[in-house]
Amino acid sequence: MTAVSLCKGHAMFKKVFASTAVLTAFIVNTAGAQEYSIQSKTWEVGLGVGGFIEGSQGDDKQSTAAGALRASYRYDPSWSVELEYMYSNNQSFRYTDDTMDIHRGILVFDWDMWPQKHYSPYFGIGGGYESFPTDAAKFNGAIVNISGGFRYIFAESWGLNVDAKYKYNLDHIDQNIMLTFAINYRFSTDDEAK
């Protein structure tokens, strides 16, 4: 990784972090959501947008945008398990000039610091798999990640979360940071609500 690409990645991270901090501060100070808590619903399904800040060791892969589908189940007031699928359409991958479809599936166990409130920082640990097309299949591999984020409930059935995941590919020693912003629909089944 060159110094120029590292500086570009760092500058992008600072912009995303600053934007996220401003958005989070605005949301926390809005009124109307205090009566709902994070632990009040068992299930969440959501859509997200994300990006990758590459921290890999010299493989020249560039940062790229991604879309995310999420589902989570809260099995304890403070703990939930989350399944996330991310899709990237990367045009900046080395060894090819073609657009490349990259798929990632991640299972994460999240711990919310304040589940009884309508907002909370959370931390997670998990793993998954990432898959590249045939001409870059040597980059396929199992991944592990640690994450941290912020969750906010703005209506009884709606919430959002912003998180950063440090991802490490065990098979080809690649690492980067995945940033995701997602809006989630929250619900509980009839049996769980009783």
Protein backbone atom coordinates (compact mmCIF):
# COMPACT_ATOMS: atom_id res chain seq x y z
CA MET A 1 0.00 0.00 0.00
CA THR A 2 1.48 3.32 -1.02
CA ALA A 3 1.63 6.37 1.19
CA VAL A 4 -0.76 8.21 -1.18
CA SER A 5 -3.45 5.49 -1.00
CA LEU A 6 -3.00 5.29 2.78
CA CYS A 7 -3.50 9.07 3.07
CA LYS A 8 -6.60 8.91 0.84
CA GLY A 9 -8.03 6.09 2.96
CA HIS A 10 -7.27 8.00 6.17
CA ALA A 11 -8.87 11.19 4.78
CA MET A 12 -11.99 9.25 3.77
CA PHE A 13 -12.16 7.63 7.22
CA LYS A 14 -11.96 11.08 8.89
CA LYS A 15 -14.79 12.41 6.69
CA VAL A 16 -17.01 9.41 7.37
CA PHE A 17 -16.22 9.51 11.10
CA ALA A 18 -16.95 13.25 11.35
CA SER A 19 -20.22 12.90 9.43
CA THR A 20 -21.26 9.97 11.61
CA ALA A 21 -20.42 11.88 14.80
CA VAL A 22 -22.51 14.90 13.72
CA LEU A 23 -25.43 12.68 12.70
CA THR A 24 -25.25 10.72 15.95
CA ALA A 25 -25.18 13.91 18.06
CA PHE A 26 -28.22 15.24 16.18
CA ILE A 27 -30.18 12.03 16.61
CA VAL A 28 -29.41 11.63 20.31
CA ASN A 29 -30.73 15.14 20.95
CA THR A 30 -34.02 14.65 19.09
CA ALA A 31 -37.19 14.20 21.14
CA GLY A 32 -39.94 11.61 20.90
CA ALA A 33 -38.12 8.30 21.07
CA GLN A 34 -37.47 8.13 24.81
CA GLU A 35 -40.50 5.92 25.47
CA TYR A 36 -39.08 3.06 23.38
CA SER A 37 -36.14 0.91 24.39
CA ILE A 38 -33.70 -1.16 22.40
CA GLN A 39 -34.76 -4.29 24.27
CA SER A 40 -38.49 -3.73 23.59
CA LYS A 41 -38.45 -5.72 20.32
CA THR A 42 -36.93 -9.12 19.62
CA TRP A 43 -36.32 -9.01 15.87
CA GLU A 44 -34.83 -6.49 13.45
CA VAL A 45 -34.50 -6.61 9.68
CA GLY A 46 -32.80 -3.82 7.81
CA LEU A 47 -31.08 -2.35 4.80
CA GLY A 48 -27.73 -0.67 4.96
CA VAL A 49 -25.10 1.09 2.94
CA GLY A 50 -21.46 0.64 3.68
CA GLY A 51 -17.94 1.27 2.63
CA PHE A 52 -14.54 -0.29 3.12
CA ILE A 53 -11.38 1.45 4.17
CA GLU A 54 -8.55 -0.79 3.09
CA GLY A 55 -5.81 -1.55 5.55
CA SER A 56 -4.44 -4.56 3.77
CA GLN A 57 -0.79 -5.35 3.47
CA GLY A 58 0.19 -4.28 -0.02
CA ASP A 59 -2.50 -5.93 -2.14
CA ASP A 60 -3.57 -2.60 -3.71
CA LYS A 61 -7.29 -3.20 -3.30
CA GLN A 62 -9.12 0.11 -3.17
CA SER A 63 -11.96 1.28 -0.96
CA THR A 64 -15.38 0.49 -2.33
CA ALA A 65 -19.04 1.00 -1.52
CA ALA A 66 -21.31 -1.86 -0.46
CA GLY A 67 -24.95 -2.63 0.14
CA ALA A 68 -26.04 -4.62 3.18
CA LEU A 69 -29.00 -6.76 4.24
CA ARG A 70 -29.29 -7.35 7.99
CA ALA A 71 -31.34 -9.50 10.34
CA SER A 72 -30.90 -9.76 14.10
CA TYR A 73 -32.49 -11.57 17.01
CA ARG A 74 -32.33 -10.27 20.60
CA TYR A 75 -32.12 -13.31 22.88
CA ASP A 76 -31.29 -11.33 26.03
CA PRO A 77 -31.89 -7.66 26.94
CA SER A 78 -28.22 -6.86 26.31
CA TRP A 79 -27.30 -9.49 23.72
CA SER A 80 -28.32 -10.05 20.12
CA VAL A 81 -27.06 -12.14 17.23
CA GLU A 82 -26.87 -10.45 13.83
CA LEU A 83 -26.52 -11.88 10.34
CA GLU A 84 -25.32 -9.45 7.69
CA TYR A 85 -24.84 -9.96 3.95
CA MET A 86 -22.76 -7.36 2.11
CA TYR A 87 -22.40 -6.96 -1.64
CA SER A 88 -19.72 -4.86 -3.31
CA ASN A 89 -19.36 -4.09 -6.99
CA ASN A 90 -15.69 -3.20 -7.07
CA GLN A 91 -14.08 -1.65 -10.15
CA SER A 92 -10.75 -0.95 -8.47
CA PHE A 93 -9.50 -4.42 -7.69
CA ARG A 94 -6.04 -5.33 -8.85
CA TYR A 95 -5.38 -8.11 -11.39
CA THR A 96 -8.47 -7.21 -13.38
CA ASP A 97 -9.94 -4.24 -15.23
CA ASP A 98 -13.43 -5.67 -15.04
CA THR A 99 -16.11 -4.94 -12.50
CA MET A 100 -15.99 -7.50 -9.73
CA ASP A 101 -18.85 -8.77 -7.57
CA ILE A 102 -17.72 -9.41 -4.00
CA HIS A 103 -19.97 -11.16 -1.47
CA ARG A 104 -19.51 -11.24 2.31
CA GLY A 105 -21.59 -12.99 4.94
CA ILE A 106 -20.96 -12.18 8.61
CA LEU A 107 -22.47 -13.50 11.86
CA VAL A 108 -21.91 -11.18 14.83
CA PHE A 109 -22.79 -11.36 18.53
CA ASP A 110 -23.56 -7.82 19.77
CA TRP A 111 -23.63 -6.50 23.34
CA ASP A 112 -25.56 -3.26 23.98
CA MET A 113 -24.31 -1.11 26.82
CA TRP A 114 -27.72 0.50 27.61
CA PRO A 115 -30.49 -1.78 26.23
CA GLN A 116 -33.14 -0.17 28.46
CA LYS A 117 -32.68 3.19 26.67
CA HIS A 118 -33.60 4.26 23.14
CA TYR A 119 -29.93 4.65 22.22
CA SER A 120 -26.81 2.72 23.09
CA PRO A 121 -23.24 2.07 22.06
CA TYR A 122 -22.64 -1.59 21.27
CA PHE A 123 -19.73 -3.92 20.69
CA GLY A 124 -19.54 -7.15 18.75
CA ILE A 125 -17.42 -10.09 17.72
CA GLY A 126 -18.04 -12.53 14.93
CA GLY A 127 -16.93 -14.23 11.77
CA GLY A 128 -17.98 -15.17 8.28
CA TYR A 129 -16.80 -15.69 4.73
CA GLU A 130 -15.99 -13.50 1.74
CA SER A 131 -16.18 -14.65 -1.85
CA PHE A 132 -14.57 -13.16 -4.96
CA PRO A 133 -15.21 -14.11 -8.60
CA THR A 134 -13.19 -16.74 -10.42
CA ASP A 135 -10.30 -14.52 -11.56
CA ALA A 136 -9.68 -13.43 -7.96
CA ALA A 137 -10.86 -16.55 -6.13
CA LYS A 138 -7.54 -16.83 -4.35
CA PHE A 139 -8.81 -14.01 -2.12
CA ASN A 140 -11.76 -16.10 -0.91
CA GLY A 141 -11.58 -16.91 2.75
CA ALA A 142 -12.93 -17.11 6.27
CA ILE A 143 -13.02 -13.82 8.13
CA VAL A 144 -13.16 -12.76 11.77
CA ASN A 145 -14.20 -9.34 12.97
CA ILE A 146 -14.60 -7.13 15.99
CA SER A 147 -16.98 -4.20 15.82
CA GLY A 148 -18.32 -1.19 17.62
CA GLY A 149 -21.25 1.03 16.85
CA PHE A 150 -24.19 3.09 17.97
CA ARG A 151 -27.86 2.05 17.93
CA TYR A 152 -30.80 4.49 18.04
CA ILE A 153 -34.55 3.79 18.20
CA PHE A 154 -36.52 6.68 16.68
CA ALA A 155 -40.00 5.06 16.66
CA GLU A 156 -41.60 1.98 18.16
CA SER A 157 -40.83 -0.19 15.13
CA TRP A 158 -37.93 1.69 13.54
CA GLY A 159 -34.30 2.14 14.44
CA LEU A 160 -30.93 2.77 12.94
CA ASN A 161 -27.39 1.77 13.63
CA VAL A 162 -23.95 2.93 12.57
CA ASP A 163 -21.00 0.62 13.06
CA ALA A 164 -17.41 -0.05 12.13
CA LYS A 165 -16.10 -3.60 11.80
CA TYR A 166 -12.43 -4.48 11.72
CA LYS A 167 -12.28 -7.46 9.34
CA TYR A 168 -9.40 -9.89 9.01
CA ASN A 169 -9.28 -12.57 6.32
CA LEU A 170 -7.64 -15.66 7.80
CA ASP A 171 -6.79 -17.27 4.47
CA HIS A 172 -4.93 -14.52 2.65
CA ILE A 173 -3.96 -12.16 5.48
CA ASP A 174 -6.07 -9.22 4.35
CA GLN A 175 -7.52 -6.68 6.75
CA ASN A 176 -9.75 -3.63 6.43
CA ILE A 177 -12.47 -1.64 8.15
CA MET A 178 -16.09 -1.91 7.08
CA LEU A 179 -18.35 1.04 7.89
CA THR A 180 -22.11 0.47 7.75
CA PHE A 181 -25.16 2.69 8.22
CA ALA A 182 -28.48 0.80 8.36
CA ILE A 183 -32.17 1.51 8.92
CA ASN A 184 -34.00 -1.36 10.60
CA TYR A 185 -37.59 -2.45 11.05
CA ARG A 186 -38.16 -3.88 14.56
CA PHE A 187 -40.83 -6.36 15.61
CA SER A 188 -41.74 -9.15 18.00
CA THR A 189 -43.94 -12.16 17.37
CA ASP A 190 -47.25 -12.52 19.23
CA ASP A 191 -45.80 -15.20 21.52
CA GLU A 192 -42.77 -13.05 22.39
CA ALA A 193 -44.90 -9.99 23.11
CA LYS A 194 -46.89 -11.82 25.85
